[in-house]
Amino acid sequence: MTQSSRPQDGRAALAGFVTNRLGRANAARPEATAEAKAPTRSEHQSFEKLTGYRELKLQRSAADLIGLNNPFFRVHDTRAAATTRIDGKVFANYSSYDYLGLNGHPAVSGAARKAIETFGTSASASRLVAGERPVHLKLEKALASHYGTEACVIMVSGHATNVTAIGAMLEPADVIFHDALIHNSVVTGAQLSGAQRRSFAHNDPASLEKLLEATRHEHRRALIVIEGLYSMDGDAPDLAAFVELKRRFDCWLMVDDAHGLGVLGRTGAGLHEHCGVDAADVDIWMGTLSKTLSSCGGYVCGPAVLIEYLKCTAGGFLYSVGMSPPLAAAADAALSVMQAEPERVERLRRNGGLFLAAAKKRGLNTGSSLGLAVIPVIVGDSLKAVTLSDRLFKRGINVQPIIHPAVPERSSRLRFFMTSEHTPEQIAETVAAVAEELAALETGATLIEQLMARRGA
């Protein structure tokens, strides 16, 4: 009996089908109680009354019924890389951002160790209070040089970088125009600022143009925000088109290049290299240190006036501890290796192209992915995505499901992060396994639905 035709698969499909239907029905009905009574304050104060907690419990109950393991928060015994070890077993790993294989690189680890010996593990307080360390200034100078900007500021969290920078730059009289699939951190930053927020269709400059024509005159300052490489879909925008719009309508343009650095362009310089656009045509470059640069934190590169302003007013910098010196040193070393070894970028591009071509040949839905570092396999509902992830895990493949609300319910997916260190054999075996297990899932679900329909369910 093959792995994809196990007898428990039919039971799992049936349980999933029933649970999916019952879950929606139960969520739509209020709980029945013997006597209606006003809740007491203690009931209101229960953490179980938090919005969304009931849905979380329902999802966990469904997973328990089907016998699915929780795919999240697994404990890894080794560093994030093309392979990992969980509970003593080695897995092909597609759930880490180590795009260029720099996590654990001797130069990167060596820089971190040297910084620990010199500065310890903590900056101790905010840089305003505790002062600067040379490693902070060196990294900021290197990032500013990379994007050709006047200055740069680094912060301890990528998410907080967007939140605090956008929150500090804009005010209620302003407006932010952003891609419909923009990262949560941008949306949160816009909400913090009090500015109006308007979204345009994904990667659609024409949609933005219509918004600008209709509403730009209503606001004082305007900020357009797009991403370099979109982390859920693996596609990239037409940067030149957005530059033209920001000029015509007098806006700032900000690019969140978190997944673009090290991935886009011949040398991995980012979205500007990928699109053949001068980096200086973009007002603000933002990114994170946790992907290609194998560290932790975020950065904003731009005009010196902006950077000075953020260092003195952005709460996420002003009131937060400075970046840990070894993290700053590691990121700086990783950037140097990336720039010195463009062959890593070429290997990443080759691996991504190999995965994408094999997936399309198997009929897998990879959406609009360019086949660079992020390749989704879109399967539909959340339960199917989690089940598929579980089956692949049992075959030695670690890949996370992306489910609602991170993506719309009918576009749940497995998201594969490629690295320069994956092998052609790993990629071929992985794509084959995905296709086999997905076909088995879909065949089982179809048979169960037909059976339920005949019985009048």
Protein backbone atom coordinates (compact mmCIF):
# COMPACT_ATOMS: atom_id res chain seq x y z
CA MET A 1 0.00 0.00 0.00
CA THR A 2 1.44 3.38 -0.95
CA GLN A 3 1.74 6.22 1.50
CA SER A 4 -0.98 8.18 -0.29
CA SER A 5 -3.58 5.39 -0.12
CA ARG A 6 -3.66 4.62 3.59
CA PRO A 7 -7.01 3.37 4.92
CA GLN A 8 -7.19 6.17 7.47
CA ASP A 9 -7.20 8.72 4.65
CA GLY A 10 -10.86 8.09 3.91
CA ARG A 11 -11.78 8.55 7.55
CA ALA A 12 -9.72 11.72 7.67
CA ALA A 13 -11.43 13.11 4.60
CA LEU A 14 -14.86 12.27 6.04
CA ALA A 15 -14.00 13.83 9.38
CA GLY A 16 -12.66 16.91 7.64
CA PHE A 17 -15.77 17.27 5.51
CA VAL A 18 -18.14 16.89 8.45
CA THR A 19 -16.09 19.08 10.75
CA ASN A 20 -15.89 21.80 8.14
CA ARG A 21 -19.67 21.84 7.79
CA LEU A 22 -20.42 21.51 11.47
CA GLY A 23 -17.81 24.11 12.35
CA ARG A 24 -19.46 26.72 10.15
CA ALA A 25 -22.90 25.79 11.42
CA ASN A 26 -21.90 25.92 15.05
CA ALA A 27 -20.13 29.24 14.60
CA ALA A 28 -23.30 30.72 13.13
CA ARG A 29 -25.54 29.67 16.04
CA PRO A 30 -25.48 31.35 19.46
CA GLU A 31 -24.82 29.05 22.36
CA ALA A 32 -27.96 27.68 23.93
CA THR A 33 -28.31 28.20 27.66
CA ALA A 34 -30.86 26.92 30.14
CA GLU A 35 -31.53 30.40 31.45
CA ALA A 36 -30.70 33.71 29.87
CA LYS A 37 -28.83 35.91 32.27
CA ALA A 38 -26.68 38.97 32.07
CA PRO A 39 -23.00 38.07 32.22
CA THR A 40 -21.18 39.05 35.35
CA ARG A 41 -18.09 41.21 35.29
CA SER A 42 -15.95 38.15 35.94
CA GLU A 43 -17.34 36.52 32.80
CA HIS A 44 -16.50 39.61 30.77
CA GLN A 45 -13.00 39.57 32.21
CA SER A 46 -12.34 35.95 31.24
CA PHE A 47 -9.60 35.65 28.63
CA GLU A 48 -11.74 32.99 26.97
CA LYS A 49 -14.08 35.83 25.95
CA LEU A 50 -11.40 37.41 23.79
CA THR A 51 -12.59 37.95 20.23
CA GLY A 52 -11.57 35.03 18.06
CA TYR A 53 -10.70 32.65 20.89
CA ARG A 54 -13.80 30.53 20.28
CA GLU A 55 -12.83 30.16 16.63
CA LEU A 56 -9.33 29.15 17.71
CA LYS A 57 -10.77 26.44 19.97
CA LEU A 58 -12.99 25.21 17.14
CA GLN A 59 -10.01 24.91 14.82
CA ARG A 60 -8.07 22.96 17.44
CA SER A 61 -11.03 20.64 18.04
CA ALA A 62 -11.30 19.97 14.32
CA ALA A 63 -7.60 19.13 14.12
CA ASP A 64 -7.90 16.78 17.13
CA LEU A 65 -10.90 15.02 15.56
CA ILE A 66 -8.98 14.36 12.36
CA GLY A 67 -5.78 13.44 14.18
CA LEU A 68 -3.69 16.28 12.78
CA ASN A 69 -0.62 17.47 14.61
CA ASN A 70 -0.20 21.18 15.20
CA PRO A 71 2.16 22.33 12.41
CA PHE A 72 3.13 25.50 14.28
CA PHE A 73 5.69 26.13 17.04
CA ARG A 74 7.62 22.93 16.39
CA VAL A 75 10.92 22.75 18.24
CA HIS A 76 13.93 22.55 15.91
CA ASP A 77 17.17 21.04 17.18
CA THR A 78 19.45 22.90 14.79
CA ARG A 79 19.85 26.17 12.87
CA ALA A 80 17.40 27.35 10.22
CA ALA A 81 18.70 26.16 6.86
CA ALA A 82 17.80 24.05 3.82
CA THR A 83 17.50 21.09 6.17
CA THR A 84 16.47 20.97 9.80
CA ARG A 85 16.18 18.41 12.60
CA ILE A 86 13.01 17.94 14.66
CA ASP A 87 12.79 15.28 17.38
CA GLY A 88 16.01 13.79 16.05
CA LYS A 89 14.74 13.41 12.47
CA VAL A 90 16.18 15.31 9.51
CA PHE A 91 13.75 17.17 7.24
CA ALA A 92 13.99 19.04 3.99
CA ASN A 93 13.16 22.51 5.24
CA TYR A 94 11.09 25.11 3.37
CA SER A 95 9.99 27.20 6.34
CA SER A 96 12.98 29.46 6.92
CA TYR A 97 14.10 32.73 5.33
CA ASP A 98 17.74 31.73 4.96
CA TYR A 99 17.63 32.62 1.27
CA LEU A 100 21.38 32.72 0.63
CA GLY A 101 22.49 30.15 3.21
CA LEU A 102 24.22 32.76 5.38
CA ASN A 103 22.78 31.64 8.73
CA GLY A 104 25.78 30.01 10.37
CA HIS A 105 28.25 31.18 7.71
CA PRO A 106 31.71 31.37 9.36
CA ALA A 107 32.11 35.08 8.64
CA VAL A 108 28.65 35.88 10.00
CA SER A 109 28.99 33.79 13.15
CA GLY A 110 32.54 35.03 13.65
CA ALA A 111 31.42 38.67 13.52
CA ALA A 112 28.73 37.96 16.11
CA ARG A 113 31.23 36.23 18.43
CA LYS A 114 33.68 39.10 18.16
CA ALA A 115 30.93 41.62 18.97
CA ILE A 116 29.93 39.61 22.04
CA GLU A 117 33.52 39.60 23.26
CA THR A 118 33.76 43.36 22.80
CA PHE A 119 30.28 44.67 23.61
CA GLY A 120 28.46 41.81 25.34
CA THR A 121 25.02 40.62 24.29
CA SER A 122 22.96 43.76 24.92
CA ALA A 123 23.00 47.48 24.14
CA SER A 124 21.47 47.79 27.63
CA ALA A 125 19.11 50.69 26.83
CA SER A 126 17.97 52.86 23.96
CA ARG A 127 20.79 54.27 21.88
CA LEU A 128 19.69 57.73 22.97
CA VAL A 129 20.36 56.78 26.59
CA ALA A 130 23.06 54.12 26.44
CA GLY A 131 24.93 55.66 23.53
CA GLU A 132 26.05 54.23 20.21
CA ARG A 133 28.20 51.21 19.46
CA PRO A 134 30.42 51.15 16.38
CA VAL A 135 28.64 48.06 15.04
CA HIS A 136 25.34 49.99 14.86
CA LEU A 137 26.89 52.82 12.87
CA LYS A 138 28.82 50.43 10.61
CA LEU A 139 25.67 48.51 9.66
CA GLU A 140 23.69 51.69 9.05
CA LYS A 141 26.44 53.05 6.81
CA ALA A 142 26.61 49.78 4.85
CA LEU A 143 22.85 49.65 4.28
CA ALA A 144 22.68 53.31 3.24
CA SER A 145 25.51 52.68 0.80
CA HIS A 146 23.75 49.62 -0.59
CA TYR A 147 20.65 51.64 -1.51
CA GLY A 148 22.54 54.81 -2.35
CA THR A 149 20.79 56.86 0.31
CA GLU A 150 22.15 59.53 2.63
CA ALA A 151 21.47 57.70 5.89
CA CYS A 152 19.90 54.72 7.60
CA VAL A 153 18.44 53.78 10.97
CA ILE A 154 18.25 50.21 12.30
CA MET A 155 15.69 49.01 14.82
CA VAL A 156 15.20 45.86 16.88
CA SER A 157 12.11 44.55 15.04
CA GLY A 158 11.17 44.46 11.38
CA HIS A 159 7.46 44.69 12.14
CA ALA A 160 8.00 47.56 14.57
CA THR A 161 10.15 49.38 12.03
CA ASN A 162 7.20 49.84 9.68
CA VAL A 163 4.79 50.57 12.51
CA THR A 164 6.91 53.23 14.17
CA ALA A 165 8.32 54.84 11.00
CA ILE A 166 4.95 55.23 9.27
CA GLY A 167 3.33 56.19 12.56
CA ALA A 168 5.88 58.97 13.00
CA MET A 169 5.90 60.28 9.42
CA LEU A 170 2.18 60.69 8.80
CA GLU A 171 -0.61 62.56 10.59
CA PRO A 172 -4.43 62.74 10.32
CA ALA A 173 -4.27 65.30 7.49
CA ASP A 174 -2.23 62.85 5.39
CA VAL A 175 -2.98 59.70 3.41
CA ILE A 176 -1.28 56.37 2.76
CA PHE A 177 -1.92 54.44 -0.45
CA HIS A 178 -0.86 50.81 -0.22
CA ASP A 179 -1.09 47.57 -2.15
CA ALA A 180 -4.08 45.44 -1.14
CA LEU A 181 -1.70 42.65 -0.08
CA ILE A 182 0.67 44.84 1.91
CA HIS A 183 2.16 43.50 5.14
CA ASN A 184 0.28 43.87 8.42
CA SER A 185 3.03 46.13 9.78
CA VAL A 186 2.28 48.79 7.18
CA VAL A 187 -1.44 48.71 7.93
CA THR A 188 -0.74 48.95 11.67
CA GLY A 189 1.61 51.88 11.12
CA ALA A 190 -1.03 53.68 9.08
CA GLN A 191 -3.58 53.15 11.84
CA LEU A 192 -1.13 54.50 14.43
CA SER A 193 -0.50 57.63 12.37
CA GLY A 194 -4.18 58.54 12.10
CA ALA A 195 -3.78 59.16 8.37
CA GLN A 196 -6.41 58.07 5.89
CA ARG A 197 -5.67 54.66 4.40
CA ARG A 198 -6.58 53.62 0.86
CA SER A 199 -5.65 50.31 -0.78
CA PHE A 200 -5.31 49.61 -4.48
CA ALA A 201 -5.52 46.31 -6.37
CA HIS A 202 -2.47 44.09 -5.99
CA ASN A 203 0.43 45.09 -8.26
CA ASP A 204 -1.91 47.31 -10.27
CA PRO A 205 -0.55 50.83 -10.97
CA ALA A 206 -3.72 51.67 -12.94
CA SER A 207 -5.81 51.03 -9.82
CA LEU A 208 -3.56 53.35 -7.82
CA GLU A 209 -3.73 56.00 -10.53
CA LYS A 210 -7.52 56.11 -10.30
CA LEU A 211 -7.32 56.51 -6.52
CA LEU A 212 -4.77 59.29 -6.82
CA GLU A 213 -6.82 61.14 -9.42
CA ALA A 214 -9.92 60.93 -7.25
CA THR A 215 -8.51 61.62 -3.78
CA ARG A 216 -4.93 62.94 -3.75
CA HIS A 217 -6.13 66.56 -3.65
CA GLU A 218 -8.00 65.90 -0.40
CA HIS A 219 -4.84 65.39 1.63
CA ARG A 220 -1.68 67.24 2.59
CA ARG A 221 1.09 64.63 2.41
CA ALA A 222 0.79 61.26 0.67
CA LEU A 223 2.79 58.05 1.01
CA ILE A 224 2.66 55.13 -1.43
CA VAL A 225 3.85 51.80 -0.02
CA ILE A 226 4.61 48.66 -2.01
CA GLU A 227 6.74 45.59 -1.35
CA GLY A 228 9.77 44.31 -3.21
CA LEU A 229 8.84 40.63 -3.22
CA TYR A 230 5.42 39.82 -1.76
CA SER A 231 5.84 37.23 0.96
CA MET A 232 2.59 35.31 0.38
CA ASP A 233 2.61 35.21 -3.42
CA GLY A 234 6.24 35.55 -4.46
CA ASP A 235 5.57 38.23 -7.09
CA ALA A 236 7.00 41.73 -7.56
CA PRO A 237 5.63 45.11 -8.71
CA ASP A 238 6.52 47.24 -11.70
CA LEU A 239 8.66 49.75 -9.81
CA ALA A 240 9.03 52.18 -12.72
CA ALA A 241 5.25 52.59 -12.97
CA PHE A 242 4.96 53.44 -9.28
CA VAL A 243 7.87 55.89 -9.49
CA GLU A 244 6.08 57.70 -12.34
CA LEU A 245 2.87 57.94 -10.28
CA LYS A 246 4.61 59.23 -7.16
CA ARG A 247 6.24 61.98 -9.20
CA ARG A 248 3.07 62.96 -11.06
CA PHE A 249 0.95 63.13 -7.93
CA ASP A 250 3.59 64.53 -5.54
CA CYS A 251 3.85 61.55 -3.15
CA TRP A 252 6.56 59.80 -1.24
CA LEU A 253 7.28 56.23 -2.39
CA MET A 254 8.31 53.61 0.18
CA VAL A 255 9.42 50.09 -0.75
CA ASP A 256 9.34 47.33 1.85
CA ASP A 257 12.21 45.25 0.47
CA ALA A 258 12.23 42.71 3.32
CA HIS A 259 12.02 39.69 0.98
CA GLY A 260 13.63 41.45 -1.99
CA LEU A 261 17.10 42.03 -0.58
CA GLY A 262 19.33 39.11 -1.58
CA VAL A 263 16.68 37.77 -3.94
CA LEU A 264 15.68 40.31 -6.60
CA GLY A 265 18.12 41.37 -9.28
CA ARG A 266 21.22 39.72 -10.71
CA THR A 267 23.26 40.39 -7.57
CA GLY A 268 20.34 40.39 -5.13
CA ALA A 269 20.49 44.16 -4.63
CA GLY A 270 16.70 44.34 -4.45
CA LEU A 271 13.64 45.56 -6.35
CA HIS A 272 15.45 48.45 -8.06
CA GLU A 273 17.99 46.09 -9.65
CA HIS A 274 15.24 43.64 -10.63
CA CYS A 275 13.32 46.42 -12.42
CA GLY A 276 16.30 48.36 -13.76
CA VAL A 277 15.33 51.50 -11.83
CA ASP A 278 17.69 53.88 -10.04
CA ALA A 279 17.37 53.26 -6.30
CA ALA A 280 17.42 57.04 -5.80
CA ASP A 281 14.01 57.24 -7.48
CA VAL A 282 12.52 55.69 -4.33
CA ASP A 283 12.19 58.01 -1.33
CA ILE A 284 12.29 55.39 1.43
CA TRP A 285 13.76 51.89 1.44
CA MET A 286 12.70 49.65 4.29
CA GLY A 287 13.72 46.09 5.00
CA THR A 288 14.38 43.48 7.64
CA LEU A 289 17.54 41.79 8.86
CA SER A 290 15.97 38.39 9.51
CA LYS A 291 15.82 37.08 5.93
CA THR A 292 18.90 37.22 3.75
CA LEU A 293 20.97 38.96 6.45
CA SER A 294 20.45 36.16 8.99
CA SER A 295 19.93 38.41 11.99
CA CYS A 296 16.97 40.18 13.57
CA GLY A 297 15.57 43.70 13.25
CA GLY A 298 14.63 46.24 10.60
CA TYR A 299 15.99 49.29 8.81
CA VAL A 300 14.88 52.44 7.05
CA CYS A 301 17.16 54.03 4.44
CA GLY A 302 16.45 57.50 3.07
CA PRO A 303 17.34 61.20 3.23
CA ALA A 304 19.42 62.29 6.21
CA VAL A 305 16.65 64.64 7.37
CA LEU A 306 14.14 61.76 7.53
CA ILE A 307 16.54 59.49 9.41
CA GLU A 308 17.38 62.20 11.92
CA TYR A 309 13.67 62.82 12.43
CA LEU A 310 12.95 59.12 13.03
CA LYS A 311 15.83 58.78 15.48
CA CYS A 312 14.42 61.65 17.52
CA THR A 313 10.66 61.02 17.27
CA ALA A 314 9.82 57.41 16.33
CA GLY A 315 8.73 55.63 19.51
CA GLY A 316 9.95 52.24 18.30
CA PHE A 317 13.48 53.63 18.19
CA LEU A 318 13.42 56.32 20.86
CA TYR A 319 11.86 54.22 23.61
CA SER A 320 13.23 50.81 22.63
CA VAL A 321 16.51 49.17 23.53
CA GLY A 322 19.19 49.48 20.88
CA MET A 323 19.88 46.50 18.66
CA SER A 324 21.95 43.78 20.27
CA PRO A 325 25.56 44.36 19.09
CA PRO A 326 26.14 40.77 17.90
CA LEU A 327 22.98 40.97 15.77
CA ALA A 328 24.15 44.19 14.15
CA ALA A 329 27.58 42.72 13.51
CA ALA A 330 26.10 39.53 12.02
CA ALA A 331 23.85 41.47 9.64
CA ASP A 332 26.74 43.64 8.50
CA ALA A 333 28.89 40.58 7.82
CA ALA A 334 26.04 38.85 5.95
CA LEU A 335 25.57 41.91 3.72
CA SER A 336 29.29 41.84 2.92
CA VAL A 337 29.20 38.14 2.01
CA MET A 338 26.10 38.66 -0.16
CA GLN A 339 27.80 41.44 -2.08
CA ALA A 340 31.06 39.50 -2.46
CA GLU A 341 29.45 36.21 -3.55
CA PRO A 342 26.72 36.88 -6.17
CA GLU A 343 26.89 33.21 -7.12
CA ARG A 344 24.69 32.54 -4.07
CA VAL A 345 21.96 34.65 -5.64
CA GLU A 346 22.35 32.74 -8.91
CA ARG A 347 21.98 29.39 -7.09
CA LEU A 348 18.85 30.67 -5.37
CA ARG A 349 17.36 31.77 -8.70
CA ARG A 350 18.22 28.42 -10.26
CA ASN A 351 16.61 26.49 -7.40
CA GLY A 352 13.49 28.63 -7.44
CA GLY A 353 13.12 28.21 -11.18
CA LEU A 354 13.57 24.46 -10.88
CA PHE A 355 10.87 24.21 -8.20
CA LEU A 356 8.43 26.42 -10.11
CA ALA A 357 8.87 24.55 -13.40
CA ALA A 358 8.42 21.16 -11.71
CA ALA A 359 5.34 22.37 -9.82
CA LYS A 360 3.70 23.72 -12.98
CA LYS A 361 4.49 20.50 -14.83
CA ARG A 362 2.63 18.62 -12.08
CA GLY A 363 -0.35 20.95 -12.38
CA LEU A 364 0.14 22.62 -9.00
CA ASN A 365 -1.30 26.11 -8.54
CA THR A 366 1.61 28.44 -7.82
CA GLY A 367 -0.37 31.64 -8.38
CA SER A 368 1.63 34.61 -9.62
CA SER A 369 4.98 33.55 -8.13
CA LEU A 370 8.09 34.52 -10.08
CA GLY A 371 9.83 31.38 -8.84
CA LEU A 372 12.51 33.21 -6.91
CA ALA A 373 12.52 32.71 -3.13
CA VAL A 374 8.80 32.43 -2.31
CA ILE A 375 6.62 29.86 -4.06
CA PRO A 376 3.10 29.11 -2.82
CA VAL A 377 1.15 25.99 -3.65
CA ILE A 378 -2.45 27.15 -3.38
CA VAL A 379 -4.83 24.37 -2.34
CA GLY A 380 -8.07 26.08 -1.23
CA ASP A 381 -9.51 25.76 2.26
CA SER A 382 -7.52 25.92 5.47
CA LEU A 383 -8.20 22.35 6.55
CA LYS A 384 -6.83 20.97 3.30
CA ALA A 385 -3.70 23.10 3.66
CA VAL A 386 -3.06 21.91 7.21
CA THR A 387 -3.74 18.28 6.27
CA LEU A 388 -1.36 18.47 3.32
CA SER A 389 1.34 20.01 5.49
CA ASP A 390 0.89 17.19 8.02
CA ARG A 391 1.19 14.51 5.36
CA LEU A 392 4.35 16.04 3.96
CA PHE A 393 5.82 16.30 7.45
CA LYS A 394 5.38 12.55 7.81
CA ARG A 395 7.39 12.18 4.61
CA GLY A 396 10.28 14.28 5.91
CA ILE A 397 9.31 17.65 4.40
CA ASN A 398 8.82 20.65 6.67
CA VAL A 399 6.61 23.33 5.09
CA GLN A 400 4.07 25.52 6.84
CA PRO A 401 0.44 26.02 5.84
CA ILE A 402 -0.72 29.62 5.43
CA ILE A 403 -4.38 29.79 6.37
CA HIS A 404 -7.15 32.26 7.07
CA PRO A 405 -6.94 35.05 8.23
CA ALA A 406 -3.39 35.45 6.89
CA VAL A 407 -4.87 34.81 3.43
CA PRO A 408 -8.50 34.58 2.24
CA GLU A 409 -10.12 31.27 3.23
CA ARG A 410 -10.38 29.92 -0.31
CA SER A 411 -6.73 30.66 -1.09
CA SER A 412 -5.04 28.82 1.78
CA ARG A 413 -1.70 27.42 0.74
CA LEU A 414 1.62 25.87 1.55
CA ARG A 415 4.37 28.45 1.25
CA PHE A 416 7.78 27.19 0.16
CA PHE A 417 10.81 29.33 0.96
CA MET A 418 13.71 28.44 -1.32
CA THR A 419 17.38 28.78 -0.44
CA SER A 420 20.58 28.70 -2.42
CA GLU A 421 21.49 25.53 -0.51
CA HIS A 422 18.58 23.29 -1.52
CA THR A 423 19.65 20.50 -3.87
CA PRO A 424 17.97 19.53 -7.16
CA GLU A 425 17.21 16.13 -5.64
CA GLN A 426 15.44 17.71 -2.65
CA ILE A 427 13.38 19.89 -4.93
CA ALA A 428 12.35 17.05 -7.27
CA GLU A 429 11.38 14.78 -4.36
CA THR A 430 9.46 17.57 -2.65
CA VAL A 431 7.38 18.56 -5.68
CA ALA A 432 6.58 14.91 -6.39
CA ALA A 433 5.45 14.37 -2.80
CA VAL A 434 3.26 17.49 -2.85
CA ALA A 435 1.55 16.39 -6.05
CA GLU A 436 0.98 12.84 -4.79
CA GLU A 437 -0.45 13.85 -1.43
CA LEU A 438 -2.61 16.62 -2.85
CA ALA A 439 -4.07 14.28 -5.47
CA ALA A 440 -4.86 11.72 -2.77
CA LEU A 441 -6.53 14.39 -0.63
CA GLU A 442 -8.64 15.72 -3.48
CA THR A 443 -9.71 12.26 -4.64
CA GLY A 444 -10.70 11.29 -1.09
CA ALA A 445 -12.66 14.50 -0.58
CA THR A 446 -14.52 14.07 -3.87
CA LEU A 447 -15.60 10.52 -3.01
CA ILE A 448 -16.77 11.54 0.45
CA GLU A 449 -18.79 14.48 -0.89
CA GLN A 450 -20.46 12.22 -3.46
CA LEU A 451 -21.34 9.71 -0.75
CA MET A 452 -22.75 12.42 1.53
CA ALA A 453 -24.81 13.85 -1.34
CA ARG A 454 -26.37 10.45 -2.10
CA ARG A 455 -27.37 10.13 1.54
CA GLY A 456 -29.01 13.54 1.51
CA ALA A 457 -26.46 15.21 3.75
